[in-house]
Amino acid sequence: FVTLHVGPGTFRPIEREDPREHVMQAEAYEVPDATARAVAETLRRGGRVVACGTTCTRTLETFARTREPRGDTALFIYPGFDFRAVGALITNFHLPRSTLLMLVSAFAGRELILDAYREAVAEGYRFYSYGDAMLIL
């Protein structure tokens, strides 16, 4: 388990032409000791940590950088990001210009995500928090 107290900043659209100029609002997170140990052991063995959701991904990647079990994070994950903890991701289909779409593009590559989204639109998949989901390896 991890906790990220998601605020409106997660859902605020990216309005800058250059996404690197977007600033995330800080959100409180917590990574319990048992989770930290499980992640460390999985990575030590060469296993893959599977994050269930973008908020879980941000929390685990924050922890991988800070080693702080709780605090605030304003981590913005966009293409070019160096993932240190998460090796697979289960997530919804997200809205255009969202920080969440940037995160999945960083994880899987922009072109692959755009192809997946074209297919999702063509097939009538549901987007956003109560929509269809995908597993990205």
Foldseek 3Di string as FASTA:
>chain_A
DKDKQDDCQQFDFQPDPDSVPDWGDKIKMFDDPVNVVVQVVCVVVVHADEAEEPRSQQRVQVCVPPVDRIDIDRDQAAAPDDRDGHDKYKYFAEDPRGSRLRNVCNNANVVVSVVVVVVCVVVVWDGDDPTDIDMGD
